[in-house]
Amino acid sequence: MVKLIGMLSHFNPLRVLVIGDFMLDVYTTGKVKRISPEAPVSVLSVQKEENRPGGAGNVVLNLISLGAQVIAVGRVGRDFAGETLIDALEGEGVDVHSLLVQKAFRTPVKNRLIADAQQILRVDAETITPIPEELEQIIADRIPYLLDQVEIVAISDYGKGFLSRYLLSVLIKKAREKKKPVIVDPKGNDFSRYEGATVIKPNLAEAYAAAQLGQESPLEQAAAILLKNIDVDMLLITRSEAGISLFHKNGEVFHFPVRSKEVKDVTGAGDTVLAIISLALGNGLDMKYAAPIANVAAGIAIERLGCAHINLSELAERLLELDVDNKVFDQEHLFALQQALKGKCYTLLGLYSSEGMSTALFRSIRMLSSKYNLNKKLIIYLCDNQPDEEFVSMLASLTEVDFIVLRCESLKNLSEIIHPHEVLVLEKEELISLEHPEALLNRV
């Protein structure tokens, strides 16, 4: 897990082309207090109604939450849902110039009815409509230009008719020519439509259906059939609350069990995985690191009701929680700490390992930790250039100490991003208050 924490430093902002089926998700929330006199059904007393981009739009929102810039490619209808969808994406800074309006097309709408944090019904208003040849050609002609603007392509296929075989063929072929990775969230049981993609990411049911096997068959058998029949580099199979499995065409296999605190709703977890994988591969990260990080993000998503959007701060915090034995941060892993501490209140205490363990040190640590609640952290900064390893180990064993940062110039950047509640240093058994954390760098 230490390696995964370090990998977060590779998650730099980039531009992603998201192409697929865009729809509007509606969340109608209320209370059920009685049964209808008209029929034996519950009456939902509506308290709130919220509109959000869904389908490929949810992938876009996940990417935006992770700091990426997005070009959206798809279609909407000339209707209220289409206008609402475009306005919402524009409001998030998404490039929607290639999100085209199709005449006589109805923007898909999924209305989730929720009572007491429980989805009781989903009402879908949609029609499967093949893309007209004229619109198909407009998109196909734009693809080379659009690919020059991005580092990676995410295909979100919900089977609504927009992603024709021809359009997919042009997109994947041009992307390969320009050496842009293509990640596909597929639909249906014919994966040959995605020939040439870098990664195909089906769920368990989709993988078995495409391999024409029953779900009682070994997953490895289904994956082997798919990799044999389809020209793709990797197959990433999401298994809901069971985790993720990665199959490489070179024969490597990795299984990652989900680590979630509570499974509330698996809705949109696949979109979260697609977003994380796109961001990771777009930044040149190997799939053996990208997949488990995406798995951790999916574990966070399924703890929430509806389509959740995970940010780097939440992801870093969960990675640190899963690696509770590792509290020590050096230059390589400091980015993860920066993300995890965003919005948190903490105390920064400077220490010298050369002064060793003392009653004054234990008293100071206990006093500082007792002043704060569980939402506030105590971070130890070791001022020595080469701190004693045994001293570091003993500090890490203390439950009152949340994190330990080894001396490095990045402390300055860390403190500029996340302002400590207070900064102190323990010198000759005396606790001294400092005005700014940068003052710790000047103490040797």
Protein backbone atom coordinates (compact mmCIF):
# COMPACT_ATOMS: atom_id res chain seq x y z
CA MET A 1 0.00 0.00 0.00
CA VAL A 2 2.97 2.32 0.52
CA LYS A 3 3.63 2.09 -3.22
CA LEU A 4 0.03 3.01 -3.99
CA ILE A 5 0.29 6.09 -1.79
CA GLY A 6 3.42 7.12 -3.67
CA MET A 7 1.66 6.57 -7.00
CA LEU A 8 -0.80 9.39 -6.24
CA SER A 9 1.97 11.88 -6.96
CA HIS A 10 1.66 10.81 -10.62
CA PHE A 11 -1.98 11.96 -10.74
CA ASN A 12 -1.34 15.26 -12.49
CA PRO A 13 -4.08 17.24 -14.27
CA LEU A 14 -4.68 16.13 -17.84
CA ARG A 15 -7.28 16.36 -20.61
CA VAL A 16 -9.57 13.41 -21.24
CA LEU A 17 -11.91 12.75 -24.15
CA VAL A 18 -15.09 11.17 -22.79
CA ILE A 19 -17.34 9.81 -25.53
CA GLY A 20 -20.56 7.87 -25.06
CA ASP A 21 -24.17 7.97 -23.97
CA PHE A 22 -25.02 11.06 -21.93
CA MET A 23 -28.19 11.10 -19.87
CA LEU A 24 -29.82 13.02 -17.04
CA ASP A 25 -30.02 11.47 -13.59
CA VAL A 26 -32.87 12.75 -11.43
CA TYR A 27 -32.93 12.09 -7.69
CA THR A 28 -36.38 12.53 -6.17
CA THR A 29 -36.03 12.34 -2.40
CA GLY A 30 -38.79 12.27 0.19
CA LYS A 31 -40.63 10.38 2.93
CA VAL A 32 -43.04 7.46 2.82
CA LYS A 33 -45.64 7.83 5.56
CA ARG A 34 -48.73 6.11 4.16
CA ILE A 35 -50.19 3.72 1.60
CA SER A 36 -52.16 5.11 -1.33
CA PRO A 37 -55.97 4.73 -1.10
CA GLU A 38 -56.00 4.21 -4.88
CA ALA A 39 -53.75 1.12 -4.94
CA PRO A 40 -51.61 -0.94 -2.50
CA VAL A 41 -48.51 1.19 -3.10
CA SER A 42 -46.48 3.62 -0.99
CA VAL A 43 -46.99 7.37 -1.32
CA LEU A 44 -43.71 9.30 -1.61
CA SER A 45 -44.01 12.81 -0.19
CA VAL A 46 -41.35 14.68 -2.18
CA GLN A 47 -38.94 16.90 -0.27
CA LYS A 48 -36.23 17.50 -2.86
CA GLU A 49 -35.49 16.90 -6.53
CA GLU A 50 -31.97 17.08 -7.92
CA ASN A 51 -30.69 16.81 -11.50
CA ARG A 52 -27.19 15.51 -12.30
CA PRO A 53 -25.37 14.42 -15.46
CA GLY A 54 -25.61 10.64 -15.76
CA GLY A 55 -24.19 7.87 -17.92
CA ALA A 56 -21.08 9.21 -19.63
CA GLY A 57 -21.85 12.47 -17.81
CA ASN A 58 -21.15 10.78 -14.48
CA VAL A 59 -17.76 9.66 -15.78
CA VAL A 60 -17.10 13.31 -16.69
CA LEU A 61 -18.04 14.50 -13.19
CA ASN A 62 -15.75 11.91 -11.61
CA LEU A 63 -12.87 13.11 -13.76
CA ILE A 64 -13.58 16.77 -12.93
CA SER A 65 -13.62 15.87 -9.22
CA LEU A 66 -10.17 14.31 -9.69
CA GLY A 67 -8.80 17.50 -11.25
CA ALA A 68 -8.94 16.54 -14.94
CA GLN A 69 -10.17 18.65 -17.85
CA VAL A 70 -12.73 16.97 -20.08
CA ILE A 71 -13.96 17.17 -23.66
CA ALA A 72 -17.42 15.61 -23.87
CA VAL A 73 -18.52 13.91 -27.09
CA GLY A 74 -22.06 12.65 -27.47
CA ARG A 75 -25.62 13.74 -28.19
CA VAL A 76 -28.66 15.11 -26.41
CA GLY A 77 -32.19 15.87 -27.49
CA ARG A 78 -33.73 19.26 -28.06
CA ASP A 79 -35.54 19.08 -24.74
CA PHE A 80 -35.42 20.21 -21.12
CA ALA A 81 -33.27 17.25 -20.05
CA GLY A 82 -30.74 17.97 -22.80
CA GLU A 83 -30.52 21.66 -21.92
CA THR A 84 -30.20 20.85 -18.22
CA LEU A 85 -27.45 18.33 -18.96
CA ILE A 86 -25.40 20.72 -21.10
CA ASP A 87 -25.81 23.57 -18.60
CA ALA A 88 -24.66 21.33 -15.74
CA LEU A 89 -21.56 20.17 -17.61
CA GLU A 90 -20.70 23.69 -18.76
CA GLY A 91 -21.02 24.82 -15.16
CA GLU A 92 -18.28 22.32 -14.26
CA GLY A 93 -15.95 23.71 -16.94
CA VAL A 94 -16.46 20.85 -19.41
CA ASP A 95 -15.87 21.43 -23.13
CA VAL A 96 -19.32 20.62 -24.58
CA HIS A 97 -18.79 21.81 -28.16
CA SER A 98 -18.94 18.21 -29.38
CA LEU A 99 -22.03 17.34 -27.35
CA LEU A 100 -24.42 17.70 -30.27
CA VAL A 101 -28.18 18.19 -30.36
CA GLN A 102 -30.04 15.56 -32.41
CA LYS A 103 -33.49 16.39 -33.73
CA ALA A 104 -36.33 14.06 -32.74
CA PHE A 105 -34.09 12.42 -30.13
CA ARG A 106 -35.19 12.19 -26.52
CA THR A 107 -32.45 12.73 -23.92
CA PRO A 108 -32.46 9.63 -21.66
CA VAL A 109 -33.65 10.34 -18.13
CA LYS A 110 -33.35 8.05 -15.11
CA ASN A 111 -35.40 9.18 -12.12
CA ARG A 112 -34.47 7.50 -8.85
CA LEU A 113 -37.11 7.71 -6.12
CA ILE A 114 -35.50 7.66 -2.69
CA ALA A 115 -37.12 7.38 0.73
CA ASP A 116 -35.12 7.38 3.97
CA ALA A 117 -31.80 6.90 2.13
CA GLN A 118 -33.21 3.87 0.28
CA GLN A 119 -33.95 3.74 -3.45
CA ILE A 120 -37.49 2.38 -3.79
CA LEU A 121 -38.03 2.75 -7.54
CA ARG A 122 -36.30 3.91 -10.72
CA VAL A 123 -38.28 5.38 -13.59
CA ASP A 124 -36.52 5.40 -16.99
CA ALA A 125 -37.65 7.60 -19.88
CA GLU A 126 -35.59 6.63 -22.92
CA THR A 127 -35.66 5.14 -26.39
CA ILE A 128 -32.79 3.23 -28.02
CA THR A 129 -32.09 5.38 -31.10
CA PRO A 130 -29.30 4.58 -33.60
CA ILE A 131 -27.13 7.55 -34.49
CA PRO A 132 -28.06 9.11 -37.88
CA GLU A 133 -25.37 8.80 -40.56
CA GLU A 134 -25.07 12.58 -40.86
CA LEU A 135 -24.37 13.04 -37.14
CA GLU A 136 -22.10 9.97 -37.14
CA GLN A 137 -19.94 11.48 -39.88
CA ILE A 138 -19.74 14.87 -38.17
CA ILE A 139 -18.33 13.19 -35.05
CA ALA A 140 -16.01 10.92 -37.08
CA ASP A 141 -14.57 13.90 -38.94
CA ARG A 142 -13.84 15.69 -35.64
CA ILE A 143 -12.03 12.78 -34.01
CA PRO A 144 -8.47 13.49 -35.26
CA TYR A 145 -8.70 17.11 -34.07
CA LEU A 146 -10.18 16.12 -30.71
CA LEU A 147 -7.52 13.48 -30.10
CA ASP A 148 -4.81 16.11 -30.49
CA GLN A 149 -6.34 17.98 -27.53
CA VAL A 150 -6.24 15.08 -25.03
CA GLU A 151 -3.93 12.49 -23.45
CA ILE A 152 -6.44 9.62 -23.18
CA VAL A 153 -9.88 8.45 -24.36
CA ALA A 154 -12.64 7.07 -22.12
CA ILE A 155 -15.54 5.33 -23.89
CA SER A 156 -18.71 5.06 -21.81
CA ASP A 157 -21.14 2.84 -23.71
CA TYR A 158 -24.62 2.51 -22.22
CA GLY A 159 -26.09 0.94 -25.35
CA LYS A 160 -28.36 3.84 -26.29
CA GLY A 161 -27.34 3.75 -29.97
CA PHE A 162 -24.83 6.60 -30.19
CA LEU A 163 -21.65 4.51 -30.36
CA SER A 164 -21.98 2.78 -33.73
CA ARG A 165 -19.47 0.17 -34.89
CA TYR A 166 -18.17 2.62 -37.50
CA LEU A 167 -17.70 5.45 -35.00
CA LEU A 168 -15.90 3.17 -32.55
CA SER A 169 -13.68 1.82 -35.32
CA VAL A 170 -12.62 5.30 -36.43
CA LEU A 171 -12.04 6.48 -32.88
CA ILE A 172 -9.96 3.50 -31.73
CA LYS A 173 -7.93 3.33 -34.95
CA LYS A 174 -7.05 7.04 -34.86
CA ALA A 175 -6.26 6.87 -31.14
CA ARG A 176 -3.82 4.00 -31.71
CA GLU A 177 -2.14 5.93 -34.52
CA LYS A 178 -1.67 8.88 -32.17
CA LYS A 179 -0.61 6.57 -29.30
CA LYS A 180 -3.50 7.67 -27.06
CA PRO A 181 -4.73 4.93 -24.66
CA VAL A 182 -8.40 3.97 -24.98
CA ILE A 183 -10.36 2.70 -21.97
CA VAL A 184 -13.79 1.17 -22.67
CA ASP A 185 -16.74 0.60 -20.37
CA PRO A 186 -18.64 -1.76 -22.70
CA LYS A 187 -22.26 -2.70 -23.23
CA GLY A 188 -23.83 -5.79 -24.74
CA ASN A 189 -22.21 -9.15 -25.48
CA ASP A 190 -20.29 -8.25 -28.64
CA PHE A 191 -16.92 -6.88 -27.52
CA SER A 192 -15.51 -7.10 -31.05
CA ARG A 193 -16.89 -3.57 -31.45
CA TYR A 194 -14.01 -2.41 -29.24
CA GLU A 195 -11.15 -4.13 -31.14
CA GLY A 196 -7.85 -2.35 -30.61
CA ALA A 197 -8.71 -0.72 -27.28
CA THR A 198 -6.11 -0.59 -24.51
CA VAL A 199 -8.43 -1.75 -21.72
CA ILE A 200 -11.99 -3.10 -21.75
CA LYS A 201 -13.73 -2.81 -18.38
CA PRO A 202 -16.89 -4.97 -18.24
CA ASN A 203 -18.74 -5.96 -15.12
CA LEU A 204 -19.04 -9.61 -14.14
CA ALA A 205 -22.33 -10.30 -15.94
CA GLU A 206 -21.15 -8.55 -19.11
CA ALA A 207 -17.89 -10.53 -19.15
CA TYR A 208 -19.66 -13.90 -18.88
CA ALA A 209 -22.25 -12.90 -21.51
CA ALA A 210 -19.57 -11.78 -23.98
CA ALA A 211 -17.65 -15.03 -23.41
CA GLN A 212 -20.92 -17.00 -23.85
CA LEU A 213 -20.44 -18.78 -20.54
CA GLY A 214 -22.63 -19.28 -17.50
CA GLN A 215 -21.62 -17.54 -14.29
CA GLU A 216 -20.87 -20.90 -12.70
CA SER A 217 -17.79 -21.11 -14.96
CA PRO A 218 -14.39 -19.93 -13.64
CA LEU A 219 -13.78 -16.24 -14.22
CA GLU A 220 -10.33 -17.06 -15.59
CA GLN A 221 -11.94 -19.13 -18.34
CA ALA A 222 -14.21 -16.27 -19.40
CA ALA A 223 -11.31 -13.83 -19.43
CA ALA A 224 -9.15 -16.20 -21.50
CA ILE A 225 -11.88 -16.52 -24.14
CA LEU A 226 -12.32 -12.76 -24.38
CA LEU A 227 -8.60 -12.03 -24.63
CA LYS A 228 -8.23 -14.71 -27.30
CA ASN A 229 -11.13 -13.44 -29.41
CA ILE A 230 -10.58 -9.67 -29.04
CA ASP A 231 -7.47 -7.63 -29.79
CA VAL A 232 -7.08 -5.67 -26.54
CA ASP A 233 -4.16 -5.27 -24.16
CA MET A 234 -6.02 -5.81 -20.90
CA LEU A 235 -9.34 -6.88 -19.46
CA LEU A 236 -10.47 -5.29 -16.18
CA ILE A 237 -13.54 -7.02 -14.73
CA THR A 238 -15.43 -5.20 -11.98
CA ARG A 239 -17.23 -7.51 -9.55
CA SER A 240 -19.28 -4.99 -7.55
CA GLU A 241 -18.68 -5.44 -3.81
CA ALA A 242 -16.40 -8.44 -4.55
CA GLY A 243 -13.67 -6.23 -6.08
CA ILE A 244 -11.79 -6.06 -9.37
CA SER A 245 -9.86 -8.60 -11.45
CA LEU A 246 -7.19 -7.62 -13.99
CA PHE A 247 -6.25 -9.95 -16.87
CA HIS A 248 -3.36 -9.07 -19.17
CA LYS A 249 -2.92 -10.56 -22.62
CA ASN A 250 0.58 -11.70 -21.54
CA GLY A 251 -1.07 -14.03 -19.02
CA GLU A 252 -0.68 -11.96 -15.82
CA VAL A 253 -3.68 -12.04 -13.49
CA PHE A 254 -4.36 -9.87 -10.42
CA HIS A 255 -7.36 -9.94 -8.07
CA PHE A 256 -8.15 -6.97 -5.82
CA PRO A 257 -10.88 -7.41 -3.16
CA VAL A 258 -12.94 -4.33 -2.38
CA ARG A 259 -12.24 -2.63 0.94
CA SER A 260 -15.37 -0.72 1.86
CA LYS A 261 -16.80 0.09 5.25
CA GLU A 262 -20.42 -0.41 4.19
CA VAL A 263 -22.09 -1.30 0.89
CA LYS A 264 -24.96 1.16 0.40
CA ASP A 265 -25.30 1.51 -3.36
CA VAL A 266 -23.18 0.15 -6.23
CA THR A 267 -24.70 2.70 -8.64
CA GLY A 268 -21.99 4.53 -10.59
CA ALA A 269 -19.07 2.59 -9.08
CA GLY A 270 -18.09 1.49 -12.59
CA ASP A 271 -17.96 5.12 -13.68
CA THR A 272 -15.62 5.87 -10.78
CA VAL A 273 -13.34 3.03 -11.86
CA LEU A 274 -13.34 4.25 -15.47
CA ALA A 275 -12.39 7.76 -14.34
CA ILE A 276 -9.54 6.60 -12.08
CA ILE A 277 -8.13 4.24 -14.72
CA SER A 278 -8.28 7.01 -17.34
CA LEU A 279 -6.47 9.46 -15.08
CA ALA A 280 -3.84 6.89 -14.10
CA LEU A 281 -3.06 5.56 -17.57
CA GLY A 282 -3.18 9.06 -19.03
CA ASN A 283 -0.37 9.93 -16.61
CA GLY A 284 1.65 6.88 -17.61
CA LEU A 285 0.89 4.76 -14.54
CA ASP A 286 1.13 0.97 -14.89
CA MET A 287 -2.17 -0.93 -14.65
CA LYS A 288 -0.85 -3.02 -11.76
CA TYR A 289 -0.99 0.22 -9.73
CA ALA A 290 -3.94 1.86 -11.49
CA ALA A 291 -6.29 -1.09 -10.90
CA PRO A 292 -5.90 -1.35 -7.10
CA ILE A 293 -6.18 2.43 -6.72
CA ALA A 294 -9.40 2.34 -8.78
CA ASN A 295 -10.57 -0.52 -6.58
CA VAL A 296 -10.08 1.57 -3.45
CA ALA A 297 -11.99 4.46 -5.07
CA ALA A 298 -14.85 2.07 -5.96
CA GLY A 299 -14.92 0.96 -2.34
CA ILE A 300 -15.56 4.57 -1.30
CA ALA A 301 -18.22 5.04 -4.00
CA ILE A 302 -20.35 2.07 -2.95
CA GLU A 303 -20.54 3.43 0.61
CA ARG A 304 -22.68 6.30 -0.69
CA LEU A 305 -26.18 6.52 -2.08
CA GLY A 306 -26.39 7.34 -5.79
CA CYS A 307 -23.54 8.21 -8.14
CA ALA A 308 -20.61 9.35 -6.00
CA HIS A 309 -17.71 11.53 -7.17
CA ILE A 310 -14.40 10.78 -5.48
CA ASN A 311 -11.64 13.38 -5.19
CA LEU A 312 -7.92 12.91 -4.59
CA SER A 313 -8.21 14.05 -0.98
CA GLU A 314 -10.75 11.31 -0.17
CA LEU A 315 -8.73 8.74 -2.08
CA ALA A 316 -5.50 9.65 -0.29
CA GLU A 317 -7.19 9.55 3.10
CA ARG A 318 -8.61 6.08 2.43
CA LEU A 319 -5.22 4.79 1.23
CA LEU A 320 -3.68 6.04 4.45
CA GLU A 321 -6.44 4.42 6.51
CA LEU A 322 -5.79 1.09 4.81
CA ASP A 323 -2.10 1.42 5.60
CA VAL A 324 -2.39 2.25 9.28
CA ASP A 325 1.02 0.79 10.11
CA ASN A 326 2.78 3.32 7.91
CA LYS A 327 2.86 6.81 9.38
CA VAL A 328 6.20 7.92 8.00
CA PHE A 329 6.32 10.21 4.98
CA ASP A 330 9.33 11.13 2.94
CA GLN A 331 9.63 13.25 -0.20
CA GLU A 332 8.12 10.56 -2.45
CA HIS A 333 4.92 10.09 -0.44
CA LEU A 334 4.29 13.65 0.74
CA PHE A 335 1.80 14.39 -2.07
CA ALA A 336 -0.59 11.82 -0.60
CA LEU A 337 -0.37 13.50 2.81
CA GLN A 338 -1.08 16.88 1.22
CA GLN A 339 -4.24 15.49 -0.34
CA ALA A 340 -5.39 13.63 2.77
CA LEU A 341 -5.02 16.71 4.99
CA LYS A 342 -6.98 19.12 2.78
CA GLY A 343 -9.69 20.72 4.86
CA LYS A 344 -8.32 19.17 8.06
CA CYS A 345 -7.05 20.94 11.17
CA TYR A 346 -3.72 19.78 12.53
CA THR A 347 -0.80 20.62 14.78
CA LEU A 348 2.77 20.43 13.50
CA LEU A 349 5.34 19.52 16.15
CA GLY A 350 9.07 19.66 15.36
CA LEU A 351 11.36 17.20 17.13
CA TYR A 352 15.02 16.19 17.14
CA SER A 353 15.74 12.47 17.25
CA SER A 354 19.17 13.33 18.66
CA GLU A 355 17.47 14.43 21.91
CA GLY A 356 15.97 10.95 22.24
CA MET A 357 12.83 9.83 24.08
CA SER A 358 12.12 11.72 27.28
CA THR A 359 9.38 12.36 29.79
CA ALA A 360 9.01 15.88 28.36
CA LEU A 361 8.47 14.46 24.88
CA PHE A 362 5.77 12.02 26.01
CA ARG A 363 4.11 14.71 28.10
CA SER A 364 4.08 17.16 25.15
CA ILE A 365 2.65 14.64 22.72
CA ARG A 366 -0.08 13.57 25.12
CA MET A 367 -0.95 17.16 25.96
CA LEU A 368 -1.22 18.16 22.28
CA SER A 369 -3.26 15.13 21.26
CA SER A 370 -5.70 15.52 24.16
CA LYS A 371 -6.53 19.06 23.03
CA TYR A 372 -8.11 17.88 19.80
CA ASN A 373 -10.96 15.68 18.66
CA LEU A 374 -10.79 12.84 16.16
CA ASN A 375 -11.02 15.22 13.19
CA LYS A 376 -7.75 16.95 14.10
CA LYS A 377 -4.33 15.49 13.53
CA LEU A 378 -0.94 15.61 15.25
CA ILE A 379 1.95 15.60 12.79
CA ILE A 380 5.55 15.16 13.91
CA TYR A 381 8.24 16.81 11.77
CA LEU A 382 11.75 15.47 12.38
CA CYS A 383 14.24 18.31 12.07
CA ASP A 384 17.32 16.03 11.86
CA ASN A 385 18.79 15.41 8.42
CA GLN A 386 19.23 11.73 9.27
CA PRO A 387 16.88 10.84 12.16
CA ASP A 388 17.55 7.77 14.27
CA GLU A 389 15.53 4.81 12.94
CA GLU A 390 14.67 3.44 16.38
CA PHE A 391 13.42 6.87 17.45
CA VAL A 392 11.18 7.02 14.36
CA SER A 393 9.81 3.51 15.04
CA MET A 394 8.98 4.35 18.64
CA LEU A 395 7.19 7.54 17.59
CA ALA A 396 5.19 5.62 14.98
CA SER A 397 4.04 3.17 17.67
CA LEU A 398 2.29 5.96 19.60
CA THR A 399 -1.45 6.14 18.91
CA GLU A 400 -1.39 9.89 19.67
CA VAL A 401 0.87 10.50 16.64
CA ASP A 402 -1.03 10.52 13.34
CA PHE A 403 1.81 11.15 10.87
CA ILE A 404 5.58 11.62 10.83
CA VAL A 405 7.29 13.72 8.16
CA LEU A 406 11.01 13.31 7.56
CA ARG A 407 13.02 16.48 6.99
CA CYS A 408 12.60 17.71 3.41
CA GLU A 409 12.19 20.96 1.50
CA SER A 410 8.63 19.93 0.60
CA LEU A 411 7.54 20.95 4.09
CA LYS A 412 7.37 24.50 2.74
CA ASN A 413 4.96 23.49 -0.04
CA LEU A 414 2.95 21.30 2.33
CA SER A 415 2.43 24.18 4.74
CA GLU A 416 1.44 26.58 1.96
CA ILE A 417 -1.27 24.21 0.77
CA ILE A 418 -2.49 23.13 4.21
CA HIS A 419 -2.12 25.68 6.97
CA PRO A 420 -1.37 24.15 10.40
CA HIS A 421 -3.55 25.17 13.32
CA GLU A 422 -0.36 25.70 15.28
CA VAL A 423 3.37 25.03 14.89
CA LEU A 424 5.62 24.05 17.79
CA VAL A 425 9.10 22.66 18.34
CA LEU A 426 10.46 20.75 21.32
CA GLU A 427 13.99 21.90 22.15
CA LYS A 428 15.85 20.87 25.29
CA GLU A 429 12.57 19.66 26.81
CA GLU A 430 10.93 23.06 26.21
CA LEU A 431 7.87 23.40 23.96
CA ILE A 432 8.31 26.53 21.81
CA SER A 433 5.57 28.05 19.63
CA LEU A 434 6.57 29.19 16.11
CA GLU A 435 4.80 31.64 13.84
CA HIS A 436 5.26 29.68 10.61
CA PRO A 437 6.17 26.05 9.75
CA GLU A 438 8.95 27.29 7.47
CA ALA A 439 10.83 28.19 10.64
CA LEU A 440 11.32 24.45 11.21
CA LEU A 441 13.41 24.21 8.08
CA ASN A 442 15.90 26.70 9.46
CA ARG A 443 16.45 24.78 12.69
CA VAL A 444 19.24 22.21 12.59
